[in-house]
């Protein structure tokens, strides 16, 4: 494909599944380089969900469960661990790698593509993407359990917020796409978010994913109580006046959400605006009062963010 870079193409079709490509992002970057602006790339992928179903249907109980356990260790987990990654790719050359839909689409978005269409058939997703920009060339993608996410901090400074992984790798590149497709559910979270893993839903339910943000508290980038640190896309959804109010203070570990329990984005903005106005007048007592009310609602009224 590299020989075609001088003569840009309008369409590239890959008939084989992308699961067998060793350097997947390099392949997508190469496709991007070979396409004209708004050129089309068609491909297909076998996702982990489909693979899991195929294994469970192929073998009888309890053999299918045992097979699935070792299959998950070998082809889903080992390619993403530093201690086993190189050995896995040395043996398999990348063939048969397990990919989720979120990781596949996230990789494509990071490489300058935008989805046009998808179709499920023959146990695969057949996707159509359009080239919209140059690749981002993410040289250090995160697969680990502990991750760092870019968030808007005080004075619009981007800070890295530490969390436990609850989404598939490369999911951060899909936030705008998922928001446009699914919008927000009650509580301000994106509804039907396919990027979240089953274990991630458990971590979120009990706030375990947010424990590493203690590092941000110790670094002085956040305070115990305050507005939630937002991604650039989520921040852009806020009213301009509220954006200006937000950047004047540090984000917080525990947000005003647990005091007012808003149900949609407008109510969330109203809740944060009220808190920030009170905080501007009396920082210490406002945080003290809000912290007490938040803990009361969480522990005695069962308040949850999703």
C-alpha atoms as a PDB file:
ATOM      1  CA  UNK A   1       0.000   0.000   0.000  1.00  0.00           C
ATOM      2  CA  UNK A   2       2.912   2.368   0.587  1.00  0.00           C
ATOM      3  CA  UNK A   3       3.587   2.479  -3.163  1.00  0.00           C
ATOM      4  CA  UNK A   4       0.207   4.154  -3.713  1.00  0.00           C
ATOM      5  CA  UNK A   5       0.886   7.248  -1.607  1.00  0.00           C
ATOM      6  CA  UNK A   6       1.789   9.384  -4.616  1.00  0.00           C
ATOM      7  CA  UNK A   7      -1.534   8.617  -6.299  1.00  0.00           C
ATOM      8  CA  UNK A   8      -4.298   9.132  -3.778  1.00  0.00           C
ATOM      9  CA  UNK A   9      -7.280   6.787  -3.852  1.00  0.00           C
ATOM     10  CA  UNK A  10     -10.997   7.388  -3.323  1.00  0.00           C
ATOM     11  CA  UNK A  11     -11.718   3.937  -1.901  1.00  0.00           C
ATOM     12  CA  UNK A  12      -9.802   1.180  -0.084  1.00  0.00           C
ATOM     13  CA  UNK A  13     -11.501  -2.122   0.763  1.00  0.00           C
ATOM     14  CA  UNK A  14     -10.023  -4.789   3.027  1.00  0.00           C
ATOM     15  CA  UNK A  15     -11.848  -8.098   2.694  1.00  0.00           C
ATOM     16  CA  UNK A  16      -9.895  -9.934   5.430  1.00  0.00           C
ATOM     17  CA  UNK A  17     -10.735  -9.183   9.040  1.00  0.00           C
ATOM     18  CA  UNK A  18      -8.521  -6.604  10.731  1.00  0.00           C
ATOM     19  CA  UNK A  19      -8.000  -8.955  13.707  1.00  0.00           C
ATOM     20  CA  UNK A  20      -5.020 -10.481  11.863  1.00  0.00           C
ATOM     21  CA  UNK A  21      -3.054  -7.236  11.401  1.00  0.00           C
ATOM     22  CA  UNK A  22       0.048  -7.010  13.633  1.00  0.00           C
ATOM     23  CA  UNK A  23       0.570  -3.220  13.669  1.00  0.00           C
ATOM     24  CA  UNK A  24      -3.033  -2.105  13.453  1.00  0.00           C
ATOM     25  CA  UNK A  25      -2.638   1.645  13.950  1.00  0.00           C
ATOM     26  CA  UNK A  26       0.252   1.729  11.488  1.00  0.00           C
ATOM     27  CA  UNK A  27      -2.028   0.040   8.980  1.00  0.00           C
ATOM     28  CA  UNK A  28      -4.807   2.594   9.545  1.00  0.00           C
ATOM     29  CA  UNK A  29      -2.292   5.455   9.286  1.00  0.00           C
ATOM     30  CA  UNK A  30      -1.059   4.004   5.996  1.00  0.00           C
ATOM     31  CA  UNK A  31      -4.628   3.743   4.697  1.00  0.00           C
ATOM     32  CA  UNK A  32      -5.141   7.386   5.667  1.00  0.00           C
ATOM     33  CA  UNK A  33      -2.015   8.404   3.742  1.00  0.00           C
ATOM     34  CA  UNK A  34      -3.199   6.557   0.632  1.00  0.00           C
ATOM     35  CA  UNK A  35      -6.682   8.101   0.571  1.00  0.00           C
ATOM     36  CA  UNK A  36      -7.802  11.430  -0.785  1.00  0.00           C
ATOM     37  CA  UNK A  37      -9.607  13.800   1.571  1.00  0.00           C
ATOM     38  CA  UNK A  38     -13.008  12.259   2.365  1.00  0.00           C
ATOM     39  CA  UNK A  39     -11.802   9.002   0.833  1.00  0.00           C
ATOM     40  CA  UNK A  40     -13.560   5.825   1.989  1.00  0.00           C
ATOM     41  CA  UNK A  41     -12.147   2.835   3.883  1.00  0.00           C
ATOM     42  CA  UNK A  42     -14.210  -0.357   4.201  1.00  0.00           C
ATOM     43  CA  UNK A  43     -13.230  -3.215   6.475  1.00  0.00           C
ATOM     44  CA  UNK A  44     -14.539  -5.740   8.977  1.00  0.00           C
ATOM     45  CA  UNK A  45     -13.775  -7.027  12.460  1.00  0.00           C
ATOM     46  CA  UNK A  46     -14.698  -9.943  14.672  1.00  0.00           C
ATOM     47  CA  UNK A  47     -15.402  -8.456  18.103  1.00  0.00           C
ATOM     48  CA  UNK A  48     -14.867 -10.090  21.471  1.00  0.00           C
ATOM     49  CA  UNK A  49     -18.641 -10.343  22.018  1.00  0.00           C
ATOM     50  CA  UNK A  50     -19.034 -12.371  18.824  1.00  0.00           C
ATOM     51  CA  UNK A  51     -15.980 -14.532  19.599  1.00  0.00           C
ATOM     52  CA  UNK A  52     -17.305 -15.267  23.082  1.00  0.00           C
ATOM     53  CA  UNK A  53     -20.697 -16.322  21.708  1.00  0.00           C
ATOM     54  CA  UNK A  54     -19.051 -18.498  19.061  1.00  0.00           C
ATOM     55  CA  UNK A  55     -16.929 -20.334  21.660  1.00  0.00           C
ATOM     56  CA  UNK A  56     -19.854 -20.885  24.029  1.00  0.00           C
ATOM     57  CA  UNK A  57     -21.993 -22.291  21.215  1.00  0.00           C
ATOM     58  CA  UNK A  58     -19.229 -24.452  19.724  1.00  0.00           C
ATOM     59  CA  UNK A  59     -18.348 -26.510  22.810  1.00  0.00           C
ATOM     60  CA  UNK A  60     -20.557 -28.269  25.412  1.00  0.00           C
ATOM     61  CA  UNK A  61     -20.704 -27.382  29.108  1.00  0.00           C
ATOM     62  CA  UNK A  62     -18.424 -27.154  31.047  1.00  0.00           C
ATOM     63  CA  UNK A  63     -15.762 -27.392  28.326  1.00  0.00           C
ATOM     64  CA  UNK A  64     -16.897 -24.136  26.714  1.00  0.00           C
ATOM     65  CA  UNK A  65     -16.426 -22.205  29.972  1.00  0.00           C
ATOM     66  CA  UNK A  66     -12.927 -23.610  30.485  1.00  0.00           C
ATOM     67  CA  UNK A  67     -12.008 -22.876  26.867  1.00  0.00           C
ATOM     68  CA  UNK A  68     -13.360 -19.328  27.144  1.00  0.00           C
ATOM     69  CA  UNK A  69     -11.364 -18.692  30.334  1.00  0.00           C
ATOM     70  CA  UNK A  70      -8.030 -19.611  28.757  1.00  0.00           C
ATOM     71  CA  UNK A  71      -8.971 -17.945  25.475  1.00  0.00           C
ATOM     72  CA  UNK A  72      -9.615 -14.707  27.357  1.00  0.00           C
ATOM     73  CA  UNK A  73      -6.245 -14.939  29.115  1.00  0.00           C
ATOM     74  CA  UNK A  74      -4.308 -15.729  25.943  1.00  0.00           C
ATOM     75  CA  UNK A  75      -5.855 -13.543  23.245  1.00  0.00           C
ATOM     76  CA  UNK A  76      -7.630 -10.772  25.112  1.00  0.00           C
ATOM     77  CA  UNK A  77      -5.501 -10.020  28.166  1.00  0.00           C
ATOM     78  CA  UNK A  78      -1.932 -11.098  27.296  1.00  0.00           C
ATOM     79  CA  UNK A  79      -1.592  -8.768  24.225  1.00  0.00           C
ATOM     80  CA  UNK A  80      -2.265  -5.791  26.506  1.00  0.00           C
ATOM     81  CA  UNK A  81       0.117  -6.601  29.385  1.00  0.00           C
ATOM     82  CA  UNK A  82       3.692  -5.336  29.225  1.00  0.00           C
ATOM     83  CA  UNK A  83       5.129  -8.604  30.556  1.00  0.00           C
ATOM     84  CA  UNK A  84       3.346 -10.806  27.965  1.00  0.00           C
ATOM     85  CA  UNK A  85       2.688  -8.459  25.020  1.00  0.00           C
ATOM     86  CA  UNK A  86       5.946  -9.051  23.131  1.00  0.00           C
ATOM     87  CA  UNK A  87       5.785 -12.825  23.612  1.00  0.00           C
ATOM     88  CA  UNK A  88       2.179 -12.924  22.384  1.00  0.00           C
ATOM     89  CA  UNK A  89       2.949 -11.039  19.166  1.00  0.00           C
ATOM     90  CA  UNK A  90       6.193 -12.992  18.626  1.00  0.00           C
ATOM     91  CA  UNK A  91       4.240 -16.251  18.649  1.00  0.00           C
ATOM     92  CA  UNK A  92       1.046 -15.166  16.873  1.00  0.00           C
ATOM     93  CA  UNK A  93       2.387 -12.345  14.636  1.00  0.00           C
ATOM     94  CA  UNK A  94      -0.816 -10.568  15.619  1.00  0.00           C
ATOM     95  CA  UNK A  95      -3.126 -13.070  13.949  1.00  0.00           C
ATOM     96  CA  UNK A  96      -6.428 -13.676  15.716  1.00  0.00           C
ATOM     97  CA  UNK A  97      -6.153 -10.705  18.072  1.00  0.00           C
ATOM     98  CA  UNK A  98      -9.370  -9.996  19.985  1.00  0.00           C
ATOM     99  CA  UNK A  99     -10.787  -6.508  19.501  1.00  0.00           C
ATOM    100  CA  UNK A 100     -13.846  -4.790  20.914  1.00  0.00           C
ATOM    101  CA  UNK A 101     -16.010  -2.510  18.807  1.00  0.00           C
ATOM    102  CA  UNK A 102     -14.957   0.436  20.986  1.00  0.00           C
ATOM    103  CA  UNK A 103     -11.238  -0.236  20.504  1.00  0.00           C
ATOM    104  CA  UNK A 104     -11.641  -0.758  16.753  1.00  0.00           C
ATOM    105  CA  UNK A 105     -13.579   2.460  16.223  1.00  0.00           C
ATOM    106  CA  UNK A 106     -11.403   4.365  18.685  1.00  0.00           C
ATOM    107  CA  UNK A 107      -8.279   3.375  16.765  1.00  0.00           C
ATOM    108  CA  UNK A 108      -9.867   4.492  13.489  1.00  0.00           C
ATOM    109  CA  UNK A 109     -10.935   7.842  14.941  1.00  0.00           C
ATOM    110  CA  UNK A 110      -7.446   8.402  16.352  1.00  0.00           C
ATOM    111  CA  UNK A 111      -6.082   7.711  12.863  1.00  0.00           C
ATOM    112  CA  UNK A 112      -8.179  10.427  11.232  1.00  0.00           C
ATOM    113  CA  UNK A 113     -11.375   8.609  10.247  1.00  0.00           C
ATOM    114  CA  UNK A 114     -15.062   9.150  10.921  1.00  0.00           C
ATOM    115  CA  UNK A 115     -17.741   6.474  10.734  1.00  0.00           C
ATOM    116  CA  UNK A 116     -20.303   6.514   7.938  1.00  0.00           C
ATOM    117  CA  UNK A 117     -21.983   3.115   8.227  1.00  0.00           C
ATOM    118  CA  UNK A 118     -21.838  -0.266   9.944  1.00  0.00           C
ATOM    119  CA  UNK A 119     -23.512  -3.588   9.272  1.00  0.00           C
ATOM    120  CA  UNK A 120     -23.582  -6.831  11.258  1.00  0.00           C
ATOM    121  CA  UNK A 121     -23.416 -10.016   9.194  1.00  0.00           C
ATOM    122  CA  UNK A 122     -21.619 -13.376   9.199  1.00  0.00           C
ATOM    123  CA  UNK A 123     -20.542 -12.841  12.833  1.00  0.00           C
ATOM    124  CA  UNK A 124     -18.603  -9.675  11.973  1.00  0.00           C
ATOM    125  CA  UNK A 125     -19.052  -5.911  11.887  1.00  0.00           C
ATOM    126  CA  UNK A 126     -18.584  -4.530   8.382  1.00  0.00           C
ATOM    127  CA  UNK A 127     -17.741  -0.849   8.749  1.00  0.00           C
ATOM    128  CA  UNK A 128     -17.361   2.124   6.422  1.00  0.00           C
ATOM    129  CA  UNK A 129     -15.195   5.069   7.504  1.00  0.00           C
ATOM    130  CA  UNK A 130     -14.337   8.375   5.837  1.00  0.00           C
ATOM    131  CA  UNK A 131     -10.987  10.155   6.039  1.00  0.00           C
ATOM    132  CA  UNK A 132     -11.557  13.537   7.712  1.00  0.00           C
ATOM    133  CA  UNK A 133      -8.103  14.549   8.993  1.00  0.00           C
ATOM    134  CA  UNK A 134      -4.527  13.457   9.553  1.00  0.00           C
ATOM    135  CA  UNK A 135      -3.784  10.775  12.183  1.00  0.00           C
ATOM    136  CA  UNK A 136      -2.982  11.836  15.744  1.00  0.00           C
ATOM    137  CA  UNK A 137      -0.098   9.334  15.963  1.00  0.00           C
ATOM    138  CA  UNK A 138      -0.699   8.226  19.545  1.00  0.00           C
ATOM    139  CA  UNK A 139       2.718   6.787  20.411  1.00  0.00           C
ATOM    140  CA  UNK A 140       1.802   5.626  23.909  1.00  0.00           C
ATOM    141  CA  UNK A 141      -1.715   4.172  23.953  1.00  0.00           C
ATOM    142  CA  UNK A 142      -2.865   3.072  27.373  1.00  0.00           C
ATOM    143  CA  UNK A 143      -3.959  -0.511  28.025  1.00  0.00           C
ATOM    144  CA  UNK A 144      -3.264  -0.642  31.750  1.00  0.00           C
ATOM    145  CA  UNK A 145      -5.684  -0.755  34.658  1.00  0.00           C
ATOM    146  CA  UNK A 146      -4.510   2.639  35.914  1.00  0.00           C
ATOM    147  CA  UNK A 147      -5.047   5.378  33.332  1.00  0.00           C
ATOM    148  CA  UNK A 148      -4.589   9.137  32.959  1.00  0.00           C
ATOM    149  CA  UNK A 149      -7.338  11.190  31.320  1.00  0.00           C
ATOM    150  CA  UNK A 150      -7.003  14.770  30.076  1.00  0.00           C
ATOM    151  CA  UNK A 151      -9.400  17.085  31.884  1.00  0.00           C
ATOM    152  CA  UNK A 152      -9.957  20.844  32.017  1.00  0.00           C
ATOM    153  CA  UNK A 153      -8.552  22.251  35.261  1.00  0.00           C
ATOM    154  CA  UNK A 154      -8.186  25.676  36.814  1.00  0.00           C
ATOM    155  CA  UNK A 155      -7.364  28.475  34.333  1.00  0.00           C
ATOM    156  CA  UNK A 156      -8.210  26.068  31.472  1.00  0.00           C
ATOM    157  CA  UNK A 157      -5.023  24.156  32.170  1.00  0.00           C
ATOM    158  CA  UNK A 158      -5.297  20.551  31.010  1.00  0.00           C
ATOM    159  CA  UNK A 159      -4.526  18.146  33.832  1.00  0.00           C
ATOM    160  CA  UNK A 160      -4.192  14.376  33.818  1.00  0.00           C
ATOM    161  CA  UNK A 161      -6.799  12.847  36.127  1.00  0.00           C
ATOM    162  CA  UNK A 162      -5.924   9.387  37.457  1.00  0.00           C
ATOM    163  CA  UNK A 163      -8.619   6.707  37.358  1.00  0.00           C
ATOM    164  CA  UNK A 164      -9.046   2.949  37.123  1.00  0.00           C
ATOM    165  CA  UNK A 165      -9.952   1.838  33.605  1.00  0.00           C
ATOM    166  CA  UNK A 166     -13.672   1.333  33.040  1.00  0.00           C
ATOM    167  CA  UNK A 167     -13.689   1.718  29.245  1.00  0.00           C
ATOM    168  CA  UNK A 168     -12.094  -0.192  26.404  1.00  0.00           C
ATOM    169  CA  UNK A 169      -8.715   1.051  25.089  1.00  0.00           C
ATOM    170  CA  UNK A 170      -8.901   4.030  22.675  1.00  0.00           C
ATOM    171  CA  UNK A 171     -12.437   4.837  23.923  1.00  0.00           C
ATOM    172  CA  UNK A 172     -11.443   8.426  24.683  1.00  0.00           C
ATOM    173  CA  UNK A 173     -11.385   9.180  20.946  1.00  0.00           C
ATOM    174  CA  UNK A 174     -15.070   8.232  20.639  1.00  0.00           C
ATOM    175  CA  UNK A 175     -16.650  10.591  23.174  1.00  0.00           C
ATOM    176  CA  UNK A 176     -18.077  13.035  20.639  1.00  0.00           C
ATOM    177  CA  UNK A 177     -19.260  10.206  18.362  1.00  0.00           C
ATOM    178  CA  UNK A 178     -21.020   8.363  21.196  1.00  0.00           C
ATOM    179  CA  UNK A 179     -22.562  11.593  22.495  1.00  0.00           C
ATOM    180  CA  UNK A 180     -23.948  12.483  19.056  1.00  0.00           C
ATOM    181  CA  UNK A 181     -25.283   8.949  18.592  1.00  0.00           C
ATOM    182  CA  UNK A 182     -26.710   8.326  22.057  1.00  0.00           C
ATOM    183  CA  UNK A 183     -26.981  11.739  23.786  1.00  0.00           C
ATOM    184  CA  UNK A 184     -27.217  11.898  27.595  1.00  0.00           C
ATOM    185  CA  UNK A 185     -29.275   9.851  30.022  1.00  0.00           C
ATOM    186  CA  UNK A 186     -30.656  10.951  33.370  1.00  0.00           C
ATOM    187  CA  UNK A 187     -27.804  12.108  35.589  1.00  0.00           C
ATOM    188  CA  UNK A 188     -25.772  13.582  32.740  1.00  0.00           C
ATOM    189  CA  UNK A 189     -23.933  10.423  31.652  1.00  0.00           C
ATOM    190  CA  UNK A 190     -23.924   9.149  28.046  1.00  0.00           C
ATOM    191  CA  UNK A 191     -26.645   6.515  27.718  1.00  0.00           C
ATOM    192  CA  UNK A 192     -26.094   3.058  26.226  1.00  0.00           C
ATOM    193  CA  UNK A 193     -22.342   3.665  26.220  1.00  0.00           C
ATOM    194  CA  UNK A 194     -20.840   0.585  24.536  1.00  0.00           C
ATOM    195  CA  UNK A 195     -17.328   1.719  25.510  1.00  0.00           C
ATOM    196  CA  UNK A 196     -17.806   0.654  29.151  1.00  0.00           C
ATOM    197  CA  UNK A 197     -16.650  -2.870  30.028  1.00  0.00           C
ATOM    198  CA  UNK A 198     -18.668  -5.158  32.376  1.00  0.00           C
ATOM    199  CA  UNK A 199     -15.999  -4.844  35.071  1.00  0.00           C
ATOM    200  CA  UNK A 200     -16.011  -1.091  34.462  1.00  0.00           C
ATOM    201  CA  UNK A 201     -19.723  -0.877  35.301  1.00  0.00           C
ATOM    202  CA  UNK A 202     -19.017  -2.580  38.627  1.00  0.00           C
ATOM    203  CA  UNK A 203     -16.173  -0.173  39.438  1.00  0.00           C
ATOM    204  CA  UNK A 204     -18.323   2.838  38.579  1.00  0.00           C
ATOM    205  CA  UNK A 205     -21.234   1.636  40.669  1.00  0.00           C
ATOM    206  CA  UNK A 206     -19.127   1.773  43.836  1.00  0.00           C
ATOM    207  CA  UNK A 207     -16.855   4.700  42.789  1.00  0.00           C
ATOM    208  CA  UNK A 208     -13.818   2.421  42.905  1.00  0.00           C
ATOM    209  CA  UNK A 209     -12.590   3.837  39.597  1.00  0.00           C
ATOM    210  CA  UNK A 210     -12.191   7.294  41.174  1.00  0.00           C
ATOM    211  CA  UNK A 211      -9.938   6.268  44.075  1.00  0.00           C
ATOM    212  CA  UNK A 212      -6.688   7.081  42.163  1.00  0.00           C
ATOM    213  CA  UNK A 213      -7.804  10.727  41.975  1.00  0.00           C
ATOM    214  CA  UNK A 214      -6.315  10.954  45.458  1.00  0.00           C
ATOM    215  CA  UNK A 215      -3.029  11.455  43.549  1.00  0.00           C
ATOM    216  CA  UNK A 216      -4.520  14.606  42.013  1.00  0.00           C
ATOM    217  CA  UNK A 217      -5.499  15.820  45.490  1.00  0.00           C
ATOM    218  CA  UNK A 218      -1.954  15.275  46.738  1.00  0.00           C
ATOM    219  CA  UNK A 219      -0.526  17.088  43.704  1.00  0.00           C
ATOM    220  CA  UNK A 220      -2.741  20.091  44.424  1.00  0.00           C
ATOM    221  CA  UNK A 221      -4.584  19.890  41.082  1.00  0.00           C
ATOM    222  CA  UNK A 222      -7.917  19.132  42.734  1.00  0.00           C
ATOM    223  CA  UNK A 223      -9.659  19.768  46.042  1.00  0.00           C
ATOM    224  CA  UNK A 224     -11.824  17.458  48.131  1.00  0.00           C
ATOM    225  CA  UNK A 225     -15.122  19.071  47.134  1.00  0.00           C
ATOM    226  CA  UNK A 226     -15.874  20.919  43.918  1.00  0.00           C
ATOM    227  CA  UNK A 227     -17.051  20.760  40.334  1.00  0.00           C
ATOM    228  CA  UNK A 228     -16.295  17.575  38.457  1.00  0.00           C
ATOM    229  CA  UNK A 229     -13.205  17.674  36.166  1.00  0.00           C
ATOM    230  CA  UNK A 230     -14.502  17.504  32.584  1.00  0.00           C
ATOM    231  CA  UNK A 231     -13.120  16.395  29.239  1.00  0.00           C
ATOM    232  CA  UNK A 232     -12.728  19.103  26.595  1.00  0.00           C
ATOM    233  CA  UNK A 233     -15.769  17.820  24.716  1.00  0.00           C
ATOM    234  CA  UNK A 234     -18.026  17.698  27.777  1.00  0.00           C
ATOM    235  CA  UNK A 235     -16.719  21.109  28.857  1.00  0.00           C
ATOM    236  CA  UNK A 236     -17.689  22.530  25.441  1.00  0.00           C
ATOM    237  CA  UNK A 237     -21.342  21.563  26.074  1.00  0.00           C
ATOM    238  CA  UNK A 238     -21.557  23.990  29.011  1.00  0.00           C
ATOM    239  CA  UNK A 239     -22.841  27.578  28.726  1.00  0.00           C
ATOM    240  CA  UNK A 240     -20.042  30.083  28.170  1.00  0.00           C
ATOM    241  CA  UNK A 241     -20.708  31.945  31.421  1.00  0.00           C
ATOM    242  CA  UNK A 242     -20.496  28.697  33.392  1.00  0.00           C
ATOM    243  CA  UNK A 243     -17.275  27.757  31.623  1.00  0.00           C
ATOM    244  CA  UNK A 244     -15.755  31.030  32.825  1.00  0.00           C
ATOM    245  CA  UNK A 245     -16.919  30.386  36.380  1.00  0.00           C
ATOM    246  CA  UNK A 246     -15.540  26.839  36.317  1.00  0.00           C
ATOM    247  CA  UNK A 247     -12.007  27.744  35.264  1.00  0.00           C
ATOM    248  CA  UNK A 248     -11.597  30.093  38.226  1.00  0.00           C
ATOM    249  CA  UNK A 249     -11.524  27.202  40.723  1.00  0.00           C
ATOM    250  CA  UNK A 250      -9.905  23.785  41.056  1.00  0.00           C
ATOM    251  CA  UNK A 251     -12.107  20.799  40.196  1.00  0.00           C
ATOM    252  CA  UNK A 252     -13.157  18.559  43.065  1.00  0.00           C
ATOM    253  CA  UNK A 253     -13.105  14.909  44.065  1.00  0.00           C
ATOM    254  CA  UNK A 254     -16.743  14.989  45.282  1.00  0.00           C
ATOM    255  CA  UNK A 255     -19.044  17.092  43.046  1.00  0.00           C
ATOM    256  CA  UNK A 256     -22.199  19.158  43.822  1.00  0.00           C
ATOM    257  CA  UNK A 257     -24.165  16.497  41.942  1.00  0.00           C
ATOM    258  CA  UNK A 258     -24.661  14.535  45.167  1.00  0.00           C
ATOM    259  CA  UNK A 259     -26.334  17.502  46.850  1.00  0.00           C
ATOM    260  CA  UNK A 260     -28.885  18.474  44.202  1.00  0.00           C
ATOM    261  CA  UNK A 261     -29.120  15.155  42.275  1.00  0.00           C
ATOM    262  CA  UNK A 262     -29.811  16.792  38.879  1.00  0.00           C
ATOM    263  CA  UNK A 263     -31.401  14.684  36.138  1.00  0.00           C
ATOM    264  CA  UNK A 264     -30.171  16.331  32.932  1.00  0.00           C
ATOM    265  CA  UNK A 265     -27.462  18.636  31.645  1.00  0.00           C
ATOM    266  CA  UNK A 266     -29.466  21.824  32.250  1.00  0.00           C
ATOM    267  CA  UNK A 267     -30.054  20.821  35.868  1.00  0.00           C
ATOM    268  CA  UNK A 268     -26.391  19.855  36.273  1.00  0.00           C
ATOM    269  CA  UNK A 269     -25.326  23.299  35.024  1.00  0.00           C
ATOM    270  CA  UNK A 270     -27.824  24.985  37.341  1.00  0.00           C
ATOM    271  CA  UNK A 271     -26.494  22.949  40.283  1.00  0.00           C
ATOM    272  CA  UNK A 272     -22.872  23.848  39.530  1.00  0.00           C
ATOM    273  CA  UNK A 273     -23.707  27.505  38.917  1.00  0.00           C
ATOM    274  CA  UNK A 274     -25.394  27.727  42.324  1.00  0.00           C
ATOM    275  CA  UNK A 275     -22.437  26.059  44.037  1.00  0.00           C
ATOM    276  CA  UNK A 276     -19.866  28.285  42.322  1.00  0.00           C
ATOM    277  CA  UNK A 277     -21.769  31.466  43.203  1.00  0.00           C
ATOM    278  CA  UNK A 278     -21.890  30.411  46.874  1.00  0.00           C
ATOM    279  CA  UNK A 279     -18.250  29.326  46.786  1.00  0.00           C
ATOM    280  CA  UNK A 280     -17.181  32.733  45.462  1.00  0.00           C
ATOM    281  CA  UNK A 281     -18.745  34.368  48.541  1.00  0.00           C
ATOM    282  CA  UNK A 282     -17.658  31.853  51.196  1.00  0.00           C
ATOM    283  CA  UNK A 283     -15.253  29.118  50.001  1.00  0.00           C
ATOM    284  CA  UNK A 284     -14.633  27.244  53.261  1.00  0.00           C
ATOM    285  CA  UNK A 285     -18.204  27.125  54.600  1.00  0.00           C
ATOM    286  CA  UNK A 286     -19.671  26.334  51.181  1.00  0.00           C
ATOM    287  CA  UNK A 287     -17.399  23.315  50.734  1.00  0.00           C
ATOM    288  CA  UNK A 288     -17.993  22.201  54.327  1.00  0.00           C
ATOM    289  CA  UNK A 289     -21.786  22.403  53.938  1.00  0.00           C
ATOM    290  CA  UNK A 290     -21.814  20.714  50.509  1.00  0.00           C
ATOM    291  CA  UNK A 291     -19.473  17.941  51.658  1.00  0.00           C
ATOM    292  CA  UNK A 292     -21.712  17.142  54.627  1.00  0.00           C
ATOM    293  CA  UNK A 293     -24.880  17.117  52.478  1.00  0.00           C
ATOM    294  CA  UNK A 294     -23.196  14.959  49.815  1.00  0.00           C
ATOM    295  CA  UNK A 295     -22.057  12.325  52.296  1.00  0.00           C
ATOM    296  CA  UNK A 296     -25.499  12.316  53.910  1.00  0.00           C
ATOM    297  CA  UNK A 297     -27.223  11.747  50.554  1.00  0.00           C
ATOM    298  CA  UNK A 298     -24.781   9.032  49.543  1.00  0.00           C
ATOM    299  CA  UNK A 299     -24.771   7.015  52.763  1.00  0.00           C
ATOM    300  CA  UNK A 300     -28.328   7.587  54.026  1.00  0.00           C
ATOM    301  CA  UNK A 301     -30.325   8.186  50.851  1.00  0.00           C
ATOM    302  CA  UNK A 302     -28.391   5.971  48.462  1.00  0.00           C
ATOM    303  CA  UNK A 303     -27.529   8.749  45.999  1.00  0.00           C
ATOM    304  CA  UNK A 304     -25.714   7.536  42.894  1.00  0.00           C
ATOM    305  CA  UNK A 305     -24.342   9.278  39.807  1.00  0.00           C
ATOM    306  CA  UNK A 306     -25.613   6.728  37.305  1.00  0.00           C
END
